[in-house]
Structures are given as structure tokens and as C-alpha cells.
PDB file of N, CA and C in Angstrom:
ATOM      1  N   MET A   1     -20.585 -15.405 -15.340  1.00  0.00           N
ATOM      2  CA  MET A   1     -19.633 -16.324 -15.927  1.00  0.00           C
ATOM      3  C   MET A   1     -18.314 -16.325 -15.152  1.00  0.00           C
ATOM      4  N   LYS A   2     -17.888 -15.132 -14.706  1.00  0.00           N
ATOM      5  CA  LYS A   2     -16.652 -15.047 -13.941  1.00  0.00           C
ATOM      6  C   LYS A   2     -16.788 -15.756 -12.601  1.00  0.00           C
ATOM      7  N   LYS A   3     -17.999 -15.739 -12.050  1.00  0.00           N
ATOM      8  CA  LYS A   3     -18.229 -16.375 -10.755  1.00  0.00           C
ATOM      9  C   LYS A   3     -18.032 -17.886 -10.856  1.00  0.00           C
ATOM     10  N   LYS A   4     -18.482 -18.476 -11.966  1.00  0.00           N
ATOM     11  CA  LYS A   4     -18.312 -19.915 -12.165  1.00  0.00           C
ATOM     12  C   LYS A   4     -16.835 -20.281 -12.219  1.00  0.00           C
ATOM     13  N   TYR A   5     -16.050 -19.471 -12.920  1.00  0.00           N
ATOM     14  CA  TYR A   5     -14.622 -19.756 -13.030  1.00  0.00           C
ATOM     15  C   TYR A   5     -13.904 -19.563 -11.707  1.00  0.00           C
ATOM     16  N   SER A   6     -14.312 -18.588 -10.928  1.00  0.00           N
ATOM     17  CA  SER A   6     -13.666 -18.379  -9.635  1.00  0.00           C
ATOM     18  C   SER A   6     -13.989 -19.518  -8.674  1.00  0.00           C
ATOM     19  N   VAL A   7     -15.218 -20.018  -8.695  1.00  0.00           N
ATOM     20  CA  VAL A   7     -15.583 -21.158  -7.848  1.00  0.00           C
ATOM     21  C   VAL A   7     -14.812 -22.397  -8.285  1.00  0.00           C
ATOM     22  N   LEU A   8     -14.704 -22.610  -9.580  1.00  0.00           N
ATOM     23  CA  LEU A   8     -13.954 -23.759 -10.101  1.00  0.00           C
ATOM     24  C   LEU A   8     -12.485 -23.651  -9.708  1.00  0.00           C
ATOM     25  N   LEU A   9     -11.912 -22.466  -9.779  1.00  0.00           N
ATOM     26  CA  LEU A   9     -10.521 -22.265  -9.403  1.00  0.00           C
ATOM     27  C   LEU A   9     -10.305 -22.558  -7.920  1.00  0.00           C
ATOM     28  N   ILE A  10     -11.228 -22.126  -7.087  1.00  0.00           N
ATOM     29  CA  ILE A  10     -11.123 -22.401  -5.646  1.00  0.00           C
ATOM     30  C   ILE A  10     -11.206 -23.896  -5.372  1.00  0.00           C
ATOM     31  N   LEU A  11     -12.110 -24.590  -6.044  1.00  0.00           N
ATOM     32  CA  LEU A  11     -12.241 -26.036  -5.848  1.00  0.00           C
ATOM     33  C   LEU A  11     -10.984 -26.778  -6.286  1.00  0.00           C
ATOM     34  N   VAL A  12     -10.403 -26.373  -7.400  1.00  0.00           N
ATOM     35  CA  VAL A  12      -9.166 -27.009  -7.860  1.00  0.00           C
ATOM     36  C   VAL A  12      -8.038 -26.731  -6.874  1.00  0.00           C
ATOM     37  N   PHE A  13      -7.973 -25.509  -6.370  1.00  0.00           N
ATOM     38  CA  PHE A  13      -6.939 -25.169  -5.403  1.00  0.00           C
ATOM     39  C   PHE A  13      -7.077 -26.002  -4.133  1.00  0.00           C
ATOM     40  N   LEU A  14      -8.295 -26.179  -3.656  1.00  0.00           N
ATOM     41  CA  LEU A  14      -8.512 -26.961  -2.436  1.00  0.00           C
ATOM     42  C   LEU A  14      -8.232 -28.442  -2.660  1.00  0.00           C
ATOM     43  N   ALA A  15      -8.458 -28.935  -3.882  1.00  0.00           N
ATOM     44  CA  ALA A  15      -8.214 -30.343  -4.168  1.00  0.00           C
ATOM     45  C   ALA A  15      -6.724 -30.662  -4.162  1.00  0.00           C
ATOM     46  N   VAL A  16      -5.885 -29.667  -4.410  1.00  0.00           N
ATOM     47  CA  VAL A  16      -4.446 -29.888  -4.486  1.00  0.00           C
ATOM     48  C   VAL A  16      -3.781 -29.839  -3.115  1.00  0.00           C
ATOM     49  N   LEU A  17      -4.406 -29.170  -2.160  1.00  0.00           N
ATOM     50  CA  LEU A  17      -3.811 -29.024  -0.833  1.00  0.00           C
ATOM     51  C   LEU A  17      -3.718 -30.366  -0.119  1.00  0.00           C
ATOM     52  N   PRO A  18      -2.612 -30.627   0.553  1.00  0.00           N
ATOM     53  CA  PRO A  18      -2.524 -31.847   1.354  1.00  0.00           C
ATOM     54  C   PRO A  18      -3.371 -31.704   2.616  1.00  0.00           C
ATOM     55  N   LEU A  19      -4.120 -32.719   2.942  1.00  0.00           N
ATOM     56  CA  LEU A  19      -5.002 -32.665   4.101  1.00  0.00           C
ATOM     57  C   LEU A  19      -4.570 -33.698   5.133  1.00  0.00           C
ATOM     58  N   ASP A  20      -4.561 -33.303   6.389  1.00  0.00           N
ATOM     59  CA  ASP A  20      -4.318 -34.226   7.489  1.00  0.00           C
ATOM     60  C   ASP A  20      -5.591 -34.307   8.304  1.00  0.00           C
ATOM     61  N   ALA A  21      -6.251 -35.453   8.258  1.00  0.00           N
ATOM     62  CA  ALA A  21      -7.562 -35.565   8.879  1.00  0.00           C
ATOM     63  C   ALA A  21      -7.583 -36.534  10.046  1.00  0.00           C
ATOM     64  N   GLN A  22      -6.452 -36.938  10.534  1.00  0.00           N
ATOM     65  CA  GLN A  22      -6.439 -37.904  11.615  1.00  0.00           C
ATOM     66  C   GLN A  22      -6.668 -37.211  12.950  1.00  0.00           C
ATOM     67  N   CYS A  23      -7.312 -37.943  13.844  1.00  0.00           N
ATOM     68  CA  CYS A  23      -7.421 -37.428  15.199  1.00  0.00           C
ATOM     69  C   CYS A  23      -6.056 -37.574  15.874  1.00  0.00           C
ATOM     70  N   ALA A  24      -5.885 -36.929  16.998  1.00  0.00           N
ATOM     71  CA  ALA A  24      -4.587 -36.921  17.674  1.00  0.00           C
ATOM     72  C   ALA A  24      -4.158 -38.325  18.107  1.00  0.00           C
ATOM     73  N   MET A  25      -5.109 -39.122  18.569  1.00  0.00           N
ATOM     74  CA  MET A  25      -4.775 -40.479  19.035  1.00  0.00           C
ATOM     75  C   MET A  25      -4.346 -41.367  17.868  1.00  0.00           C
ATOM     76  N   CYS A  26      -5.090 -41.315  16.775  1.00  0.00           N
ATOM     77  CA  CYS A  26      -4.741 -42.140  15.609  1.00  0.00           C
ATOM     78  C   CYS A  26      -3.368 -41.739  15.071  1.00  0.00           C
ATOM     79  N   ARG A  27      -3.135 -40.445  15.001  1.00  0.00           N
ATOM     80  CA  ARG A  27      -1.850 -39.962  14.490  1.00  0.00           C
ATOM     81  C   ARG A  27      -0.705 -40.433  15.381  1.00  0.00           C
ATOM     82  N   ALA A  28      -0.862 -40.344  16.682  1.00  0.00           N
ATOM     83  CA  ALA A  28       0.207 -40.737  17.603  1.00  0.00           C
ATOM     84  C   ALA A  28       0.519 -42.221  17.484  1.00  0.00           C
ATOM     85  N   VAL A  29      -0.497 -43.044  17.377  1.00  0.00           N
ATOM     86  CA  VAL A  29      -0.284 -44.491  17.281  1.00  0.00           C
ATOM     87  C   VAL A  29       0.373 -44.853  15.955  1.00  0.00           C
ATOM     88  N   LEU A  30      -0.129 -44.260  14.871  1.00  0.00           N
ATOM     89  CA  LEU A  30       0.404 -44.611  13.564  1.00  0.00           C
ATOM     90  C   LEU A  30       1.797 -44.042  13.323  1.00  0.00           C
ATOM     91  N   GLU A  31       2.097 -42.889  13.868  1.00  0.00           N
ATOM     92  CA  GLU A  31       3.428 -42.318  13.670  1.00  0.00           C
ATOM     93  C   GLU A  31       4.463 -42.969  14.565  1.00  0.00           C
ATOM     94  N   SER A  32       4.042 -43.582  15.653  1.00  0.00           N
ATOM     95  CA  SER A  32       4.998 -44.259  16.520  1.00  0.00           C
ATOM     96  C   SER A  32       5.489 -45.565  15.894  1.00  0.00           C
ATOM     97  N   GLU A  33       4.728 -46.108  14.965  1.00  0.00           N
ATOM     98  CA  GLU A  33       5.148 -47.317  14.258  1.00  0.00           C
ATOM     99  C   GLU A  33       6.082 -46.931  13.118  1.00  0.00           C
ATOM    100  N   GLU A  34       6.827 -47.902  12.610  1.00  0.00           N
ATOM    101  CA  GLU A  34       7.774 -47.621  11.536  1.00  0.00           C
ATOM    102  C   GLU A  34       7.115 -47.673  10.160  1.00  0.00           C
ATOM    103  N   ASN A  35       5.897 -48.155  10.065  1.00  0.00           N
ATOM    104  CA  ASN A  35       5.212 -48.286   8.781  1.00  0.00           C
ATOM    105  C   ASN A  35       4.522 -46.965   8.429  1.00  0.00           C
ATOM    106  N   VAL A  36       5.225 -46.089   7.735  1.00  0.00           N
ATOM    107  CA  VAL A  36       4.700 -44.771   7.389  1.00  0.00           C
ATOM    108  C   VAL A  36       3.614 -44.890   6.317  1.00  0.00           C
ATOM    109  N   SER A  37       3.727 -45.864   5.435  1.00  0.00           N
ATOM    110  CA  SER A  37       2.725 -46.006   4.369  1.00  0.00           C
ATOM    111  C   SER A  37       1.355 -46.365   4.954  1.00  0.00           C
ATOM    112  N   GLN A  38       1.327 -47.083   6.061  1.00  0.00           N
ATOM    113  CA  GLN A  38       0.054 -47.392   6.701  1.00  0.00           C
ATOM    114  C   GLN A  38      -0.586 -46.123   7.262  1.00  0.00           C
ATOM    115  N   ALA A  39       0.212 -45.234   7.825  1.00  0.00           N
ATOM    116  CA  ALA A  39      -0.310 -43.969   8.349  1.00  0.00           C
ATOM    117  C   ALA A  39      -0.866 -43.113   7.221  1.00  0.00           C
ATOM    118  N   LYS A  40      -0.179 -43.080   6.088  1.00  0.00           N
ATOM    119  CA  LYS A  40      -0.673 -42.317   4.939  1.00  0.00           C
ATOM    120  C   LYS A  40      -1.961 -42.924   4.405  1.00  0.00           C
ATOM    121  N   GLY A  41      -2.049 -44.246   4.396  1.00  0.00           N
ATOM    122  CA  GLY A  41      -3.262 -44.910   3.930  1.00  0.00           C
ATOM    123  C   GLY A  41      -4.461 -44.616   4.813  1.00  0.00           C
ATOM    124  N   VAL A  42      -4.252 -44.621   6.118  1.00  0.00           N
ATOM    125  CA  VAL A  42      -5.339 -44.310   7.051  1.00  0.00           C
ATOM    126  C   VAL A  42      -5.763 -42.851   6.878  1.00  0.00           C
ATOM    127  N   ASN A  43      -4.807 -41.961   6.706  1.00  0.00           N
ATOM    128  CA  ASN A  43      -5.122 -40.553   6.521  1.00  0.00           C
ATOM    129  C   ASN A  43      -5.928 -40.346   5.238  1.00  0.00           C
ATOM    130  N   ASN A  44      -5.531 -40.981   4.151  1.00  0.00           N
ATOM    131  CA  ASN A  44      -6.279 -40.867   2.895  1.00  0.00           C
ATOM    132  C   ASN A  44      -7.689 -41.429   3.037  1.00  0.00           C
ATOM    133  N   GLY A  45      -7.831 -42.526   3.743  1.00  0.00           N
ATOM    134  CA  GLY A  45      -9.152 -43.106   3.965  1.00  0.00           C
ATOM    135  C   GLY A  45     -10.065 -42.181   4.745  1.00  0.00           C
ATOM    136  N   ILE A  46      -9.524 -41.517   5.741  1.00  0.00           N
ATOM    137  CA  ILE A  46     -10.317 -40.572   6.531  1.00  0.00           C
ATOM    138  C   ILE A  46     -10.756 -39.394   5.672  1.00  0.00           C
ATOM    139  N   VAL A  47      -9.862 -38.900   4.830  1.00  0.00           N
ATOM    140  CA  VAL A  47     -10.200 -37.771   3.963  1.00  0.00           C
ATOM    141  C   VAL A  47     -11.304 -38.171   2.986  1.00  0.00           C
ATOM    142  N   TYR A  48     -11.205 -39.347   2.396  1.00  0.00           N
ATOM    143  CA  TYR A  48     -12.238 -39.798   1.450  1.00  0.00           C
ATOM    144  C   TYR A  48     -13.581 -39.980   2.147  1.00  0.00           C
ATOM    145  N   LEU A  49     -13.575 -40.575   3.323  1.00  0.00           N
ATOM    146  CA  LEU A  49     -14.824 -40.748   4.061  1.00  0.00           C
ATOM    147  C   LEU A  49     -15.428 -39.415   4.474  1.00  0.00           C
ATOM    148  N   MET A  50     -14.583 -38.436   4.754  1.00  0.00           N
ATOM    149  CA  MET A  50     -15.068 -37.120   5.136  1.00  0.00           C
ATOM    150  C   MET A  50     -15.648 -36.380   3.934  1.00  0.00           C
ATOM    151  N   ALA A  51     -15.133 -36.629   2.744  1.00  0.00           N
ATOM    152  CA  ALA A  51     -15.559 -35.898   1.542  1.00  0.00           C
ATOM    153  C   ALA A  51     -16.918 -36.357   1.027  1.00  0.00           C
ATOM    154  N   ILE A  52     -17.285 -37.605   1.234  1.00  0.00           N
ATOM    155  CA  ILE A  52     -18.532 -38.144   0.676  1.00  0.00           C
ATOM    156  C   ILE A  52     -19.768 -37.369   1.133  1.00  0.00           C
ATOM    157  N   PRO A  53     -19.959 -37.076   2.411  1.00  0.00           N
ATOM    158  CA  PRO A  53     -21.156 -36.311   2.799  1.00  0.00           C
ATOM    159  C   PRO A  53     -21.203 -34.915   2.179  1.00  0.00           C
ATOM    160  N   TYR A  54     -20.059 -34.262   2.058  1.00  0.00           N
ATOM    161  CA  TYR A  54     -20.035 -32.941   1.445  1.00  0.00           C
ATOM    162  C   TYR A  54     -20.425 -33.006  -0.029  1.00  0.00           C
ATOM    163  N   ILE A  55     -19.962 -34.022  -0.726  1.00  0.00           N
ATOM    164  CA  ILE A  55     -20.318 -34.187  -2.142  1.00  0.00           C
ATOM    165  C   ILE A  55     -21.808 -34.455  -2.282  1.00  0.00           C
ATOM    166  N   LEU A  56     -22.365 -35.302  -1.421  1.00  0.00           N
ATOM    167  CA  LEU A  56     -23.795 -35.599  -1.491  1.00  0.00           C
ATOM    168  C   LEU A  56     -24.645 -34.362  -1.207  1.00  0.00           C
ATOM    169  N   VAL A  57     -24.249 -33.567  -0.230  1.00  0.00           N
ATOM    170  CA  VAL A  57     -24.995 -32.342   0.081  1.00  0.00           C
ATOM    171  C   VAL A  57     -24.895 -31.358  -1.082  1.00  0.00           C
ATOM    172  N   ALA A  58     -23.721 -31.242  -1.687  1.00  0.00           N
ATOM    173  CA  ALA A  58     -23.550 -30.331  -2.819  1.00  0.00           C
ATOM    174  C   ALA A  58     -24.401 -30.780  -4.007  1.00  0.00           C
ATOM    175  N   LEU A  59     -24.418 -32.065  -4.295  1.00  0.00           N
ATOM    176  CA  LEU A  59     -25.236 -32.567  -5.407  1.00  0.00           C
ATOM    177  C   LEU A  59     -26.721 -32.367  -5.138  1.00  0.00           C
ATOM    178  N   THR A  60     -27.150 -32.588  -3.905  1.00  0.00           N
ATOM    179  CA  THR A  60     -28.551 -32.372  -3.557  1.00  0.00           C
ATOM    180  C   THR A  60     -28.917 -30.899  -3.690  1.00  0.00           C
ATOM    181  N   GLY A  61     -28.060 -30.021  -3.221  1.00  0.00           N
ATOM    182  CA  GLY A  61     -28.306 -28.589  -3.346  1.00  0.00           C
ATOM    183  C   GLY A  61     -28.362 -28.149  -4.799  1.00  0.00           C
ATOM    184  N   PHE A  62     -27.474 -28.679  -5.625  1.00  0.00           N
ATOM    185  CA  PHE A  62     -27.480 -28.339  -7.046  1.00  0.00           C
ATOM    186  C   PHE A  62     -28.760 -28.824  -7.720  1.00  0.00           C
ATOM    187  N   TYR A  63     -29.176 -30.034  -7.367  1.00  0.00           N
ATOM    188  CA  TYR A  63     -30.416 -30.582  -7.935  1.00  0.00           C
ATOM    189  C   TYR A  63     -31.623 -29.726  -7.536  1.00  0.00           C
ATOM    190  N   LEU A  64     -31.704 -29.369  -6.268  1.00  0.00           N
ATOM    191  CA  LEU A  64     -32.820 -28.538  -5.804  1.00  0.00           C
ATOM    192  C   LEU A  64     -32.797 -27.159  -6.458  1.00  0.00           C
ATOM    193  N   TYR A  65     -31.624 -26.610  -6.647  1.00  0.00           N
ATOM    194  CA  TYR A  65     -31.502 -25.323  -7.321  1.00  0.00           C
ATOM    195  C   TYR A  65     -32.036 -25.416  -8.747  1.00  0.00           C
ATOM    196  N   LYS A  66     -31.662 -26.473  -9.454  1.00  0.00           N
ATOM    197  CA  LYS A  66     -32.126 -26.649 -10.831  1.00  0.00           C
ATOM    198  C   LYS A  66     -33.641 -26.834 -10.883  1.00  0.00           C
ATOM    199  N   VAL A  67     -34.212 -27.615  -9.980  1.00  0.00           N
ATOM    200  CA  VAL A  67     -35.655 -27.865  -9.972  1.00  0.00           C
ATOM    201  C   VAL A  67     -36.412 -26.577  -9.700  1.00  0.00           C
ATOM    202  N   TYR A  68     -35.994 -25.825  -8.683  1.00  0.00           N
ATOM    203  CA  TYR A  68     -36.717 -24.606  -8.331  1.00  0.00           C
ATOM    204  C   TYR A  68     -36.485 -23.476  -9.333  1.00  0.00           C
ATOM    205  N   SER A  69     -35.330 -23.448  -9.980  1.00  0.00           N
ATOM    206  CA  SER A  69     -35.110 -22.405 -10.984  1.00  0.00           C
ATOM    207  C   SER A  69     -35.951 -22.674 -12.233  1.00  0.00           C
ATOM    208  N   LYS A  70     -36.210 -23.944 -12.550  1.00  0.00           N
ATOM    209  CA  LYS A  70     -37.080 -24.271 -13.688  1.00  0.00           C
ATOM    210  C   LYS A  70     -38.521 -23.886 -13.382  1.00  0.00           C
ATOM    211  N   LYS A  71     -38.961 -24.088 -12.140  1.00  0.00           N
ATOM    212  CA  LYS A  71     -40.325 -23.736 -11.771  1.00  0.00           C
ATOM    213  C   LYS A  71     -40.550 -22.236 -11.843  1.00  0.00           C
ATOM    214  N   LYS A  72     -39.556 -21.440 -11.477  1.00  0.00           N
ATOM    215  CA  LYS A  72     -39.696 -19.989 -11.509  1.00  0.00           C
ATOM    216  C   LYS A  72     -39.742 -19.483 -12.952  1.00  0.00           C
ATOM    217  N   THR A  73     -38.974 -20.092 -13.833  1.00  0.00           N
ATOM    218  CA  THR A  73     -38.981 -19.640 -15.227  1.00  0.00           C
ATOM    219  C   THR A  73     -40.276 -20.039 -15.924  1.00  0.00           C
ATOM    220  N   VAL A  74     -40.872 -21.149 -15.523  1.00  0.00           N
ATOM    221  CA  VAL A  74     -42.144 -21.586 -16.120  1.00  0.00           C
ATOM    222  C   VAL A  74     -43.263 -20.639 -15.708  1.00  0.00           C
ATOM    223  N   LYS A  75     -43.274 -20.166 -14.453  1.00  0.00           N
ATOM    224  CA  LYS A  75     -44.332 -19.277 -13.975  1.00  0.00           C
ATOM    225  C   LYS A  75     -44.274 -17.911 -14.632  1.00  0.00           C
ATOM    226  N   LYS A  76     -43.083 -17.452 -15.012  1.00  0.00           N
ATOM    227  CA  LYS A  76     -42.949 -16.137 -15.616  1.00  0.00           C
ATOM    228  C   LYS A  76     -43.517 -16.071 -17.034  1.00  0.00           C
ATOM    229  N   THR A  77     -43.521 -17.174 -17.756  1.00  0.00           N
ATOM    230  CA  THR A  77     -43.992 -17.169 -19.142  1.00  0.00           C
ATOM    231  C   THR A  77     -45.465 -17.354 -19.260  1.00  0.00           C
TER     232      THR A  77
END
């Protein structure tokens, strides 16, 4: 039970951290312009696009864990 809370705490902590995901070229071009909100928008878009594959892999892993853990409990009875 404590392990679940520690994992949840780590995930919440990581969600709060500011992330800079731009490559060096994109950052240089966007920061050289005066439109700072456009640079922030591009950075947020990159972070969201980067997060989707990780979420899909985590959901797939969780699903597989649930399926295989049910099969093991059925065989024991």
C-alpha cells in the first residue's frame, strides 16, 4: 500500500515540474522573436506530444499486468 502512495507522489511531483522540451534550433529561433507566448505554446505542444507514447505504454503495461495476474490467480485455485 505504501508503494502505491510513493509512486503516486512521484508522479504528482513530476507533473508539477516545468519541462523544456525544445531542441536547440527551435529554441533559438523562437527566443530570438519577440513573441514569447508562441515559444511557450510550441514548448507545451512538444511536451504533450512526447507524453502520449509514454501514457500508451504505461496503459498497455498495466493492462497486461492485470490480465496475467488474473490468469495466475485462476490457476492456483
